[in-house]
Amino acid sequence: MSDGATGTADNAGEGRPRRLRDALRQARIEAADRTGVVVDLRDAEVARLEILSDALDPLFSEIPESIDLFDRGISRGDPPRLWVDVVAHVVMGRDKRSYRLVQDTRYGRIVLAESNDVPVIVQAVTNYVARRMIEREHALAVPVQVSQAAPMPRRRSRVWPFLAGLLVGAVALFAAAMIAALYSF
């Protein structure tokens, strides 16, 4: 009886690892298939972003070389992005067909435009570039306006109030020590 029980236990013991081994092999195959699909989707996103980048070539060729605000390039991270400048980029939407122009601000990320059509996004990027160039002009013009304005008022020193407070504190401490000395006798 013990041989029969042992034989059954041995068969069950041999069966489990084989089934687990088969399940692990099948899970690895499925994971590889999913990874392949993800890589294919990412490659498709990058290809669509490259199409948009090619469509933006005329816009970026018009920007004067003296303006170094814009640095266009595709990053192949997760998700892939077409960078317009340091704070704005185009990323594919959830459906992987629509383009989404987004800008990072101090209050969070905002969507400036979203469309399936390349010309619509090209126009949105063109408008964004124009706004950034105007902001740059205004930022560079501000120092000239400040220099023509009235002179800045002189700042008051904060040292004298500190020294006065220090002196009052020392006098109060000395007075408290004198009173304590008089009452201790």
N, C-alpha and C. Protein backbone atom coordinates (compact mmCIF):
# COMPACT_ATOMS: atom_id res chain seq x y z
N MET A 1 0.81 -1.18 0.00
CA MET A 1 0.00 0.00 0.00
C MET A 1 0.85 1.24 0.00
N SER A 2 1.94 1.16 0.73
CA SER A 2 2.78 2.34 0.79
C SER A 2 3.39 2.64 -0.57
N ASP A 3 3.70 1.59 -1.38
CA ASP A 3 4.26 1.83 -2.71
C ASP A 3 3.25 2.51 -3.62
N GLY A 4 2.00 2.12 -3.49
CA GLY A 4 0.95 2.73 -4.30
C GLY A 4 0.76 4.18 -3.93
N ALA A 5 0.80 4.44 -2.61
CA ALA A 5 0.62 5.81 -2.16
C ALA A 5 1.81 6.65 -2.57
N THR A 6 2.99 6.05 -2.47
CA THR A 6 4.20 6.77 -2.86
C THR A 6 4.19 7.03 -4.35
N GLY A 7 3.78 6.05 -5.10
CA GLY A 7 3.72 6.21 -6.55
C GLY A 7 2.76 7.31 -6.94
N THR A 8 1.62 7.40 -6.27
CA THR A 8 0.65 8.45 -6.55
C THR A 8 1.22 9.81 -6.18
N ALA A 9 1.89 9.85 -5.03
CA ALA A 9 2.48 11.11 -4.58
C ALA A 9 3.58 11.53 -5.54
N ASP A 10 4.38 10.58 -6.02
CA ASP A 10 5.46 10.93 -6.95
C ASP A 10 4.89 11.45 -8.26
N ASN A 11 3.83 10.83 -8.75
CA ASN A 11 3.22 11.29 -10.01
C ASN A 11 2.63 12.68 -9.84
N ALA A 12 2.01 12.92 -8.69
CA ALA A 12 1.43 14.24 -8.44
C ALA A 12 2.54 15.27 -8.32
N GLY A 13 3.65 14.87 -7.66
CA GLY A 13 4.77 15.79 -7.49
C GLY A 13 5.41 16.12 -8.83
N GLU A 14 5.50 15.10 -9.71
CA GLU A 14 6.09 15.35 -11.02
C GLU A 14 5.13 16.15 -11.91
N GLY A 15 3.85 15.95 -11.72
CA GLY A 15 2.86 16.64 -12.56
C GLY A 15 2.79 18.13 -12.26
N ARG A 16 2.91 18.49 -11.01
CA ARG A 16 2.78 19.92 -10.65
C ARG A 16 3.89 20.77 -11.27
N PRO A 17 5.16 20.37 -11.08
CA PRO A 17 6.20 21.22 -11.68
C PRO A 17 6.07 21.31 -13.19
N ARG A 18 5.68 20.21 -13.83
CA ARG A 18 5.53 20.27 -15.27
C ARG A 18 4.42 21.24 -15.65
N ARG A 19 3.32 21.21 -14.97
CA ARG A 19 2.21 22.11 -15.28
C ARG A 19 2.60 23.56 -14.96
N LEU A 20 3.31 23.78 -13.84
CA LEU A 20 3.76 25.12 -13.49
C LEU A 20 4.78 25.60 -14.51
N ARG A 21 5.67 24.70 -14.88
CA ARG A 21 6.68 25.05 -15.88
C ARG A 21 6.00 25.44 -17.20
N ASP A 22 4.98 24.68 -17.59
CA ASP A 22 4.25 25.00 -18.81
C ASP A 22 3.52 26.34 -18.68
N ALA A 23 2.94 26.56 -17.50
CA ALA A 23 2.23 27.83 -17.27
C ALA A 23 3.20 29.01 -17.30
N LEU A 24 4.39 28.84 -16.72
CA LEU A 24 5.40 29.91 -16.76
C LEU A 24 5.85 30.18 -18.19
N ARG A 25 6.05 29.12 -18.94
CA ARG A 25 6.45 29.29 -20.34
C ARG A 25 5.37 30.03 -21.12
N GLN A 26 4.12 29.64 -20.90
CA GLN A 26 3.01 30.30 -21.58
C GLN A 26 2.90 31.76 -21.16
N ALA A 27 3.10 32.05 -19.87
CA ALA A 27 3.05 33.43 -19.38
C ALA A 27 4.17 34.27 -20.00
N ARG A 28 5.34 33.67 -20.15
CA ARG A 28 6.45 34.39 -20.79
C ARG A 28 6.14 34.69 -22.25
N ILE A 29 5.54 33.77 -22.94
CA ILE A 29 5.17 33.99 -24.35
C ILE A 29 4.14 35.11 -24.45
N GLU A 30 3.15 35.08 -23.56
CA GLU A 30 2.13 36.13 -23.57
C GLU A 30 2.73 37.50 -23.25
N ALA A 31 3.64 37.54 -22.29
CA ALA A 31 4.29 38.81 -21.93
C ALA A 31 5.10 39.34 -23.11
N ALA A 32 5.79 38.45 -23.82
CA ALA A 32 6.56 38.86 -24.99
C ALA A 32 5.64 39.40 -26.08
N ASP A 33 4.48 38.75 -26.26
CA ASP A 33 3.51 39.23 -27.25
C ASP A 33 3.01 40.63 -26.88
N ARG A 34 2.68 40.83 -25.59
CA ARG A 34 2.20 42.15 -25.14
C ARG A 34 3.30 43.19 -25.31
N THR A 35 4.53 42.83 -24.98
CA THR A 35 5.64 43.76 -25.14
C THR A 35 5.81 44.14 -26.60
N GLY A 36 5.66 43.16 -27.48
CA GLY A 36 5.76 43.43 -28.91
C GLY A 36 4.68 44.39 -29.37
N VAL A 37 3.47 44.23 -28.85
CA VAL A 37 2.37 45.12 -29.20
C VAL A 37 2.66 46.52 -28.70
N VAL A 38 3.15 46.63 -27.46
CA VAL A 38 3.48 47.95 -26.89
C VAL A 38 4.56 48.63 -27.71
N VAL A 39 5.58 47.87 -28.10
CA VAL A 39 6.66 48.44 -28.92
C VAL A 39 6.11 48.89 -30.27
N ASP A 40 5.24 48.09 -30.87
CA ASP A 40 4.63 48.47 -32.15
C ASP A 40 3.81 49.75 -32.00
N LEU A 41 3.03 49.88 -30.91
CA LEU A 41 2.25 51.09 -30.68
C LEU A 41 3.16 52.29 -30.49
N ARG A 42 4.22 52.13 -29.72
CA ARG A 42 5.15 53.23 -29.49
C ARG A 42 5.81 53.64 -30.80
N ASP A 43 6.20 52.67 -31.62
CA ASP A 43 6.80 52.99 -32.91
C ASP A 43 5.81 53.74 -33.80
N ALA A 44 4.55 53.36 -33.74
CA ALA A 44 3.52 54.06 -34.52
C ALA A 44 3.36 55.49 -34.02
N GLU A 45 3.40 55.69 -32.69
CA GLU A 45 3.31 57.05 -32.14
C GLU A 45 4.49 57.90 -32.61
N VAL A 46 5.69 57.32 -32.55
CA VAL A 46 6.89 58.05 -32.97
C VAL A 46 6.79 58.40 -34.45
N ALA A 47 6.28 57.48 -35.26
CA ALA A 47 6.14 57.74 -36.70
C ALA A 47 5.17 58.90 -36.94
N ARG A 48 4.06 58.94 -36.21
CA ARG A 48 3.09 60.03 -36.36
C ARG A 48 3.70 61.35 -35.91
N LEU A 49 4.49 61.32 -34.84
CA LEU A 49 5.16 62.54 -34.38
C LEU A 49 6.21 63.00 -35.39
N GLU A 50 6.88 62.07 -36.06
CA GLU A 50 7.85 62.43 -37.10
C GLU A 50 7.15 63.08 -38.29
N ILE A 51 5.96 62.61 -38.62
CA ILE A 51 5.17 63.23 -39.70
C ILE A 51 4.85 64.68 -39.32
N LEU A 52 4.43 64.90 -38.08
CA LEU A 52 4.14 66.26 -37.62
C LEU A 52 5.40 67.11 -37.62
N SER A 53 6.51 66.54 -37.18
CA SER A 53 7.78 67.28 -37.17
C SER A 53 8.16 67.73 -38.57
N ASP A 54 7.98 66.85 -39.55
CA ASP A 54 8.26 67.22 -40.94
C ASP A 54 7.34 68.35 -41.40
N ALA A 55 6.09 68.31 -40.97
CA ALA A 55 5.15 69.37 -41.34
C ALA A 55 5.51 70.70 -40.68
N LEU A 56 6.24 70.66 -39.55
CA LEU A 56 6.64 71.88 -38.86
C LEU A 56 7.95 72.46 -39.39
N ASP A 57 8.62 71.77 -40.30
CA ASP A 57 9.89 72.26 -40.85
C ASP A 57 9.81 73.68 -41.38
N PRO A 58 8.79 74.04 -42.20
CA PRO A 58 8.73 75.42 -42.70
C PRO A 58 8.62 76.47 -41.58
N LEU A 59 7.87 76.16 -40.54
CA LEU A 59 7.73 77.09 -39.42
C LEU A 59 9.07 77.33 -38.74
N PHE A 60 9.77 76.27 -38.42
CA PHE A 60 11.03 76.42 -37.68
C PHE A 60 12.15 76.99 -38.55
N SER A 61 12.02 76.88 -39.87
CA SER A 61 13.02 77.50 -40.74
C SER A 61 12.84 79.02 -40.78
N GLU A 62 11.65 79.52 -40.46
CA GLU A 62 11.39 80.96 -40.45
C GLU A 62 11.86 81.64 -39.17
N ILE A 63 12.11 80.91 -38.12
CA ILE A 63 12.52 81.50 -36.85
C ILE A 63 13.97 81.97 -36.98
N PRO A 64 14.24 83.24 -36.65
CA PRO A 64 15.62 83.72 -36.75
C PRO A 64 16.57 82.93 -35.86
N GLU A 65 17.80 82.78 -36.33
CA GLU A 65 18.79 82.00 -35.57
C GLU A 65 19.14 82.67 -34.25
N SER A 66 18.91 83.98 -34.14
CA SER A 66 19.24 84.69 -32.90
C SER A 66 18.26 84.36 -31.77
N ILE A 67 17.13 83.77 -32.10
CA ILE A 67 16.15 83.38 -31.09
C ILE A 67 16.37 81.91 -30.76
N ASP A 68 16.82 81.67 -29.54
CA ASP A 68 17.15 80.31 -29.14
C ASP A 68 16.15 79.73 -28.14
N LEU A 69 14.90 80.16 -28.25
CA LEU A 69 13.86 79.66 -27.35
C LEU A 69 13.41 78.24 -27.69
N PHE A 70 13.50 77.89 -28.95
CA PHE A 70 12.87 76.67 -29.42
C PHE A 70 13.92 75.60 -29.71
N ASP A 71 13.60 74.40 -29.27
CA ASP A 71 14.50 73.27 -29.50
C ASP A 71 13.65 72.05 -29.81
N ARG A 72 13.36 71.87 -31.08
CA ARG A 72 12.45 70.81 -31.50
C ARG A 72 13.18 69.49 -31.54
N GLY A 73 12.53 68.45 -31.04
CA GLY A 73 13.09 67.12 -31.07
C GLY A 73 12.10 66.11 -30.53
N ILE A 74 12.27 64.87 -30.92
CA ILE A 74 11.38 63.80 -30.47
C ILE A 74 12.09 62.99 -29.40
N SER A 75 11.45 62.86 -28.25
CA SER A 75 11.97 61.98 -27.21
C SER A 75 11.18 60.67 -27.28
N ARG A 76 11.87 59.58 -27.19
CA ARG A 76 11.25 58.27 -27.36
C ARG A 76 10.90 57.62 -26.03
N GLY A 77 10.60 58.42 -25.04
CA GLY A 77 10.25 57.89 -23.73
C GLY A 77 8.85 57.30 -23.73
N ASP A 78 8.29 57.23 -22.55
CA ASP A 78 6.93 56.71 -22.41
C ASP A 78 6.08 57.80 -21.79
N PRO A 79 5.30 58.51 -22.51
CA PRO A 79 5.01 58.41 -23.94
C PRO A 79 6.01 59.20 -24.78
N PRO A 80 6.12 58.86 -26.07
CA PRO A 80 6.97 59.65 -26.95
C PRO A 80 6.42 61.07 -27.08
N ARG A 81 7.33 62.05 -27.21
CA ARG A 81 6.91 63.45 -27.29
C ARG A 81 7.69 64.18 -28.37
N LEU A 82 7.01 65.13 -29.01
CA LEU A 82 7.67 66.05 -29.93
C LEU A 82 7.78 67.37 -29.19
N TRP A 83 8.98 67.73 -28.79
CA TRP A 83 9.20 68.94 -28.01
C TRP A 83 9.27 70.15 -28.94
N VAL A 84 8.57 71.21 -28.53
CA VAL A 84 8.60 72.48 -29.25
C VAL A 84 9.62 73.39 -28.57
N ASP A 85 9.53 73.45 -27.26
CA ASP A 85 10.51 74.17 -26.44
C ASP A 85 10.57 73.48 -25.09
N VAL A 86 11.12 74.14 -24.11
CA VAL A 86 11.33 73.52 -22.81
C VAL A 86 10.00 73.20 -22.10
N VAL A 87 8.96 73.99 -22.36
CA VAL A 87 7.72 73.83 -21.61
C VAL A 87 6.55 73.32 -22.45
N ALA A 88 6.71 73.17 -23.75
CA ALA A 88 5.59 72.73 -24.59
C ALA A 88 6.02 71.54 -25.45
N HIS A 89 5.10 70.61 -25.61
CA HIS A 89 5.36 69.46 -26.45
C HIS A 89 4.06 68.91 -27.01
N VAL A 90 4.19 68.08 -28.03
CA VAL A 90 3.05 67.40 -28.62
C VAL A 90 3.17 65.93 -28.25
N VAL A 91 2.07 65.39 -27.76
CA VAL A 91 2.01 63.99 -27.38
C VAL A 91 0.76 63.40 -28.03
N MET A 92 0.78 62.13 -28.28
CA MET A 92 -0.39 61.49 -28.88
C MET A 92 -1.45 61.30 -27.80
N GLY A 93 -2.72 61.45 -28.19
CA GLY A 93 -3.83 61.26 -27.27
C GLY A 93 -4.01 59.81 -26.90
N ARG A 94 -4.98 59.56 -26.06
CA ARG A 94 -5.22 58.18 -25.60
C ARG A 94 -5.58 57.24 -26.75
N ASP A 95 -6.25 57.79 -27.76
CA ASP A 95 -6.65 56.94 -28.89
C ASP A 95 -5.50 56.69 -29.86
N LYS A 96 -4.33 57.30 -29.61
CA LYS A 96 -3.11 57.14 -30.40
C LYS A 96 -3.25 57.68 -31.83
N ARG A 97 -4.34 58.41 -32.10
CA ARG A 97 -4.54 59.02 -33.41
C ARG A 97 -4.55 60.54 -33.34
N SER A 98 -4.93 61.08 -32.19
CA SER A 98 -5.04 62.53 -32.07
C SER A 98 -3.76 63.11 -31.47
N TYR A 99 -3.40 64.27 -31.99
CA TYR A 99 -2.25 65.00 -31.48
C TYR A 99 -2.73 65.94 -30.38
N ARG A 100 -1.92 66.10 -29.36
CA ARG A 100 -2.28 66.98 -28.25
C ARG A 100 -1.09 67.88 -27.95
N LEU A 101 -1.27 69.21 -28.16
CA LEU A 101 -0.24 70.20 -27.84
C LEU A 101 -0.47 70.63 -26.40
N VAL A 102 0.50 70.37 -25.53
CA VAL A 102 0.37 70.70 -24.12
C VAL A 102 1.53 71.60 -23.68
N GLN A 103 1.24 72.40 -22.66
CA GLN A 103 2.25 73.29 -22.08
C GLN A 103 2.29 73.07 -20.58
N ASP A 104 3.47 72.94 -20.04
CA ASP A 104 3.65 72.84 -18.60
C ASP A 104 3.74 74.25 -18.03
N THR A 105 2.90 74.54 -17.05
CA THR A 105 2.92 75.84 -16.38
C THR A 105 3.17 75.62 -14.90
N ARG A 106 3.33 76.69 -14.17
CA ARG A 106 3.54 76.54 -12.73
C ARG A 106 2.28 76.04 -12.04
N TYR A 107 1.15 76.10 -12.72
CA TYR A 107 -0.11 75.62 -12.15
C TYR A 107 -0.50 74.24 -12.66
N GLY A 108 0.36 73.63 -13.46
CA GLY A 108 0.07 72.31 -13.99
C GLY A 108 0.12 72.30 -15.51
N ARG A 109 -0.22 71.20 -16.09
CA ARG A 109 -0.17 71.04 -17.54
C ARG A 109 -1.50 71.45 -18.14
N ILE A 110 -1.45 72.25 -19.22
CA ILE A 110 -2.67 72.66 -19.90
C ILE A 110 -2.60 72.21 -21.35
N VAL A 111 -3.75 71.85 -21.90
CA VAL A 111 -3.86 71.43 -23.29
C VAL A 111 -4.16 72.67 -24.13
N LEU A 112 -3.26 73.00 -25.04
CA LEU A 112 -3.44 74.17 -25.90
C LEU A 112 -4.25 73.83 -27.14
N ALA A 113 -4.10 72.62 -27.66
CA ALA A 113 -4.85 72.19 -28.85
C ALA A 113 -4.86 70.67 -28.91
N GLU A 114 -5.92 70.15 -29.54
CA GLU A 114 -6.01 68.70 -29.74
C GLU A 114 -6.78 68.45 -31.02
N SER A 115 -6.22 67.62 -31.88
CA SER A 115 -6.87 67.32 -33.15
C SER A 115 -6.24 66.09 -33.77
N ASN A 116 -7.00 65.46 -34.68
CA ASN A 116 -6.48 64.34 -35.46
C ASN A 116 -5.75 64.84 -36.70
N ASP A 117 -5.96 66.11 -37.05
CA ASP A 117 -5.42 66.66 -38.29
C ASP A 117 -4.09 67.36 -38.05
N VAL A 118 -3.11 67.02 -38.87
CA VAL A 118 -1.78 67.63 -38.77
C VAL A 118 -1.85 69.13 -39.02
N PRO A 119 -2.58 69.63 -40.04
CA PRO A 119 -2.60 71.09 -40.27
C PRO A 119 -3.15 71.88 -39.09
N VAL A 120 -4.10 71.32 -38.36
CA VAL A 120 -4.66 72.02 -37.20
C VAL A 120 -3.58 72.15 -36.12
N ILE A 121 -2.83 71.11 -35.88
CA ILE A 121 -1.78 71.15 -34.86
C ILE A 121 -0.63 72.04 -35.33
N VAL A 122 -0.31 72.03 -36.62
CA VAL A 122 0.72 72.92 -37.14
C VAL A 122 0.33 74.36 -36.89
N GLN A 123 -0.94 74.70 -37.12
CA GLN A 123 -1.41 76.07 -36.86
C GLN A 123 -1.34 76.40 -35.38
N ALA A 124 -1.69 75.45 -34.51
CA ALA A 124 -1.62 75.68 -33.07
C ALA A 124 -0.18 75.89 -32.62
N VAL A 125 0.75 75.11 -33.15
CA VAL A 125 2.17 75.28 -32.81
C VAL A 125 2.66 76.62 -33.34
N THR A 126 2.22 77.01 -34.54
CA THR A 126 2.59 78.31 -35.10
C THR A 126 2.13 79.44 -34.19
N ASN A 127 0.88 79.37 -33.72
CA ASN A 127 0.36 80.39 -32.80
C ASN A 127 1.15 80.41 -31.50
N TYR A 128 1.49 79.24 -30.99
CA TYR A 128 2.26 79.15 -29.75
C TYR A 128 3.65 79.79 -29.92
N VAL A 129 4.32 79.46 -31.03
CA VAL A 129 5.64 80.02 -31.30
C VAL A 129 5.56 81.54 -31.41
N ALA A 130 4.55 82.05 -32.09
CA ALA A 130 4.39 83.50 -32.23
C ALA A 130 4.19 84.16 -30.86
N ARG A 131 3.36 83.56 -30.01
CA ARG A 131 3.15 84.12 -28.66
C ARG A 131 4.44 84.12 -27.86
N ARG A 132 5.20 83.05 -27.94
CA ARG A 132 6.47 82.97 -27.19
C ARG A 132 7.47 84.01 -27.69
N MET A 133 7.48 84.26 -29.00
CA MET A 133 8.39 85.26 -29.53
C MET A 133 8.00 86.67 -29.07
N ILE A 134 6.70 86.94 -29.00
CA ILE A 134 6.22 88.24 -28.49
C ILE A 134 6.56 88.38 -27.01
N GLU A 135 6.36 87.31 -26.23
CA GLU A 135 6.74 87.35 -24.81
C GLU A 135 8.22 87.65 -24.65
N ARG A 136 9.05 87.09 -25.51
CA ARG A 136 10.49 87.34 -25.46
C ARG A 136 10.79 88.80 -25.76
N GLU A 137 10.12 89.36 -26.78
CA GLU A 137 10.32 90.77 -27.10
C GLU A 137 9.96 91.66 -25.92
N HIS A 138 8.83 91.37 -25.28
CA HIS A 138 8.41 92.16 -24.11
C HIS A 138 9.39 92.02 -22.96
N ALA A 139 9.89 90.82 -22.74
CA ALA A 139 10.84 90.60 -21.65
C ALA A 139 12.15 91.35 -21.89
N LEU A 140 12.58 91.40 -23.15
CA LEU A 140 13.80 92.12 -23.46
C LEU A 140 13.60 93.63 -23.44
N ALA A 141 12.38 94.10 -23.65
CA ALA A 141 12.10 95.54 -23.67
C ALA A 141 11.89 96.10 -22.27
N VAL A 142 11.60 95.29 -21.29
CA VAL A 142 11.31 95.76 -19.93
C VAL A 142 12.46 96.53 -19.31
N PRO A 143 13.72 96.10 -19.37
CA PRO A 143 14.80 96.87 -18.75
C PRO A 143 14.92 98.29 -19.30
N VAL A 144 14.63 98.50 -20.59
CA VAL A 144 14.70 99.84 -21.16
C VAL A 144 13.64 100.72 -20.54
N GLN A 145 12.43 100.21 -20.34
CA GLN A 145 11.36 100.99 -19.74
C GLN A 145 11.67 101.30 -18.29
N VAL A 146 12.27 100.40 -17.56
CA VAL A 146 12.59 100.63 -16.15
C VAL A 146 13.64 101.71 -16.02
N SER A 147 14.63 101.73 -16.93
CA SER A 147 15.69 102.73 -16.82
C SER A 147 15.16 104.13 -17.11
N GLN A 148 14.07 104.26 -17.86
CA GLN A 148 13.50 105.57 -18.14
C GLN A 148 12.54 106.01 -17.05
N ALA A 149 12.15 105.13 -16.18
CA ALA A 149 11.21 105.45 -15.11
C ALA A 149 11.91 106.25 -14.02
N ALA A 150 11.12 106.74 -13.06
CA ALA A 150 11.67 107.50 -11.94
C ALA A 150 12.62 106.62 -11.14
N PRO A 151 13.63 107.23 -10.50
CA PRO A 151 14.57 106.42 -9.72
C PRO A 151 13.86 105.71 -8.57
N MET A 152 14.40 104.57 -8.24
CA MET A 152 13.83 103.77 -7.16
C MET A 152 14.05 104.49 -5.83
N PRO A 153 13.05 104.48 -4.94
CA PRO A 153 13.23 105.12 -3.63
C PRO A 153 14.29 104.37 -2.83
N ARG A 154 14.98 105.13 -1.98
CA ARG A 154 16.04 104.54 -1.16
C ARG A 154 15.43 103.66 -0.09
N ARG A 155 16.00 102.48 0.07
CA ARG A 155 15.50 101.55 1.09
C ARG A 155 16.01 101.98 2.45
N ARG A 156 15.14 101.88 3.42
CA ARG A 156 15.53 102.22 4.79
C ARG A 156 16.34 101.08 5.38
N SER A 157 17.28 101.45 6.19
CA SER A 157 18.13 100.46 6.84
C SER A 157 17.36 99.78 7.96
N ARG A 158 17.56 98.51 8.10
CA ARG A 158 16.89 97.76 9.17
C ARG A 158 17.84 97.52 10.35
N VAL A 159 19.03 98.04 10.27
CA VAL A 159 20.01 97.85 11.35
C VAL A 159 19.63 98.69 12.57
N TRP A 160 19.23 99.94 12.37
CA TRP A 160 18.94 100.84 13.50
C TRP A 160 17.78 100.34 14.36
N PRO A 161 16.68 99.89 13.81
CA PRO A 161 15.63 99.35 14.69
C PRO A 161 16.12 98.13 15.48
N PHE A 162 16.96 97.29 14.87
CA PHE A 162 17.50 96.14 15.57
C PHE A 162 18.37 96.58 16.75
N LEU A 163 19.26 97.54 16.50
CA LEU A 163 20.13 98.03 17.58
C LEU A 163 19.32 98.69 18.70
N ALA A 164 18.28 99.44 18.35
CA ALA A 164 17.43 100.06 19.37
C ALA A 164 16.74 98.99 20.21
N GLY A 165 16.25 97.97 19.59
CA GLY A 165 15.62 96.88 20.32
C GLY A 165 16.60 96.15 21.21
N LEU A 166 17.81 95.97 20.74
CA LEU A 166 18.85 95.33 21.53
C LEU A 166 19.18 96.17 22.76
N LEU A 167 19.28 97.48 22.59
CA LEU A 167 19.57 98.38 23.71
C LEU A 167 18.44 98.38 24.72
N VAL A 168 17.20 98.45 24.27
CA VAL A 168 16.05 98.42 25.18
C VAL A 168 16.02 97.10 25.94
N GLY A 169 16.30 96.00 25.27
CA GLY A 169 16.32 94.70 25.92
C GLY A 169 17.40 94.61 26.98
N ALA A 170 18.59 95.14 26.67
CA ALA A 170 19.68 95.11 27.65
C ALA A 170 19.34 95.95 28.87
N VAL A 171 18.75 97.14 28.65
CA VAL A 171 18.36 98.00 29.78
C VAL A 171 17.30 97.31 30.63
N ALA A 172 16.33 96.67 30.00
CA ALA A 172 15.29 95.97 30.74
C ALA A 172 15.87 94.82 31.54
N LEU A 173 16.80 94.07 30.97
CA LEU A 173 17.44 92.97 31.67
C LEU A 173 18.25 93.47 32.86
N PHE A 174 18.97 94.58 32.68
CA PHE A 174 19.73 95.17 33.77
C PHE A 174 18.80 95.64 34.89
N ALA A 175 17.68 96.28 34.52
CA ALA A 175 16.71 96.75 35.52
C ALA A 175 16.12 95.57 36.27
N ALA A 176 15.80 94.49 35.57
CA ALA A 176 15.24 93.32 36.23
C ALA A 176 16.25 92.70 37.18
N ALA A 177 17.52 92.67 36.80
CA ALA A 177 18.55 92.13 37.68
C ALA A 177 18.71 93.01 38.92
N MET A 178 18.65 94.33 38.78
CA MET A 178 18.77 95.26 39.92
C MET A 178 17.59 95.06 40.88
N ILE A 179 16.39 94.94 40.33
CA ILE A 179 15.21 94.77 41.20
C ILE A 179 15.31 93.44 41.92
N ALA A 180 15.74 92.39 41.24
CA ALA A 180 15.88 91.09 41.88
C ALA A 180 16.93 91.15 42.97
N ALA A 181 18.00 91.90 42.75
CA ALA A 181 19.06 92.01 43.76
C ALA A 181 18.56 92.77 44.98
N LEU A 182 17.73 93.80 44.81
CA LEU A 182 17.20 94.57 45.93
C LEU A 182 16.25 93.73 46.77
N TYR A 183 15.43 92.92 46.13
CA TYR A 183 14.47 92.12 46.89
C TYR A 183 15.10 90.85 47.50
N SER A 184 16.27 90.46 47.06
CA SER A 184 16.89 89.27 47.62
C SER A 184 17.49 89.53 49.00
N PHE A 185 17.76 90.78 49.35
CA PHE A 185 18.31 91.09 50.66
C PHE A 185 17.23 91.16 51.63
